[in-house]
Amino acid sequence: MTKEQYEYWEDFRSKEGKPSGKEAKEIAKMYAEIFNRKYWLPCGCNGTRWQGWIDELNEHFLSIEKPTE
């Protein structure tokens, strides 16, 4: 996770509610980069998929120290 991604995720975690379209695209991009997956934007109606990605990104976020670069 880059410093920019870390700071974005830190800010995202402080919000409540469903992610906006822009946030959904950023989540999909981060998920693909961090977990070395192909970029894919699931349907917004698939809350289970989105929540799973958010949970995995949260686990990763909590398991690392804030990057300095």
Protein backbone atom coordinates (compact mmCIF):
# COMPACT_ATOMS: atom_id res chain seq x y z
CA MET A 1 0.00 0.00 0.00
CA THR A 2 1.48 3.31 -1.04
CA LYS A 3 1.44 6.35 1.21
CA GLU A 4 -1.24 7.91 -1.02
CA GLN A 5 -3.39 4.76 -0.83
CA TYR A 6 -2.89 4.57 2.92
CA GLU A 7 -4.01 8.16 3.42
CA TYR A 8 -6.98 7.67 1.09
CA TRP A 9 -8.03 4.56 3.02
CA GLU A 10 -7.56 6.31 6.34
CA ASP A 11 -9.96 9.03 5.16
CA PHE A 12 -12.39 6.53 3.62
CA ARG A 13 -12.62 4.58 6.88
CA SER A 14 -13.73 7.71 8.74
CA LYS A 15 -16.87 7.99 6.57
CA GLU A 16 -20.16 6.19 6.97
CA GLY A 17 -22.62 4.94 4.41
CA LYS A 18 -22.41 3.45 0.95
CA PRO A 19 -19.39 4.40 -1.19
CA SER A 20 -20.00 6.92 -3.98
CA GLY A 21 -19.32 5.97 -7.59
CA LYS A 22 -15.93 7.69 -7.45
CA GLU A 23 -15.07 5.89 -4.20
CA ALA A 24 -16.15 2.55 -5.68
CA LYS A 25 -13.76 3.02 -8.61
CA GLU A 26 -10.92 3.88 -6.21
CA ILE A 27 -11.71 0.82 -4.05
CA ALA A 28 -11.65 -1.44 -7.12
CA LYS A 29 -8.37 0.11 -8.31
CA MET A 30 -6.73 -0.23 -4.88
CA TYR A 31 -7.98 -3.79 -4.47
CA ALA A 32 -6.54 -4.77 -7.87
CA GLU A 33 -3.17 -3.14 -7.16
CA ILE A 34 -2.73 -4.31 -3.57
CA PHE A 35 -3.87 -7.89 -4.12
CA ASN A 36 -2.39 -8.21 -7.63
CA ARG A 37 -5.73 -8.81 -9.33
CA LYS A 38 -7.15 -7.64 -12.63
CA TYR A 39 -9.11 -4.37 -12.29
CA TRP A 40 -12.82 -5.09 -12.25
CA LEU A 41 -15.73 -2.88 -11.25
CA PRO A 42 -18.58 -5.04 -9.91
CA CYS A 43 -22.20 -3.98 -10.07
CA GLY A 44 -23.12 -1.52 -7.33
CA CYS A 45 -25.98 -3.83 -6.37
CA ASN A 46 -23.52 -6.51 -5.22
CA GLY A 47 -23.08 -5.31 -1.64
CA THR A 48 -21.56 -8.61 -0.52
CA ARG A 49 -18.68 -8.32 -3.02
CA TRP A 50 -18.02 -4.68 -2.09
CA GLN A 51 -18.11 -5.38 1.63
CA GLY A 52 -15.71 -8.28 1.16
CA TRP A 53 -13.24 -6.04 -0.66
CA ILE A 54 -13.59 -3.33 1.97
CA ASP A 55 -13.03 -5.90 4.73
CA GLU A 56 -9.90 -7.24 3.01
CA LEU A 57 -8.53 -3.73 2.46
CA ASN A 58 -9.24 -2.90 6.11
CA GLU A 59 -7.34 -6.01 7.26
CA HIS A 60 -4.39 -5.05 5.09
CA PHE A 61 -4.53 -1.42 6.27
CA LEU A 62 -4.52 -2.48 9.92
CA SER A 63 -1.66 -4.95 9.42
CA ILE A 64 0.89 -2.43 8.12
CA GLU A 65 2.57 0.71 9.36
CA LYS A 66 1.89 3.99 7.59
CA PRO A 67 4.26 4.22 4.62
CA THR A 68 6.69 7.13 4.67
CA GLU A 69 7.00 7.40 0.89
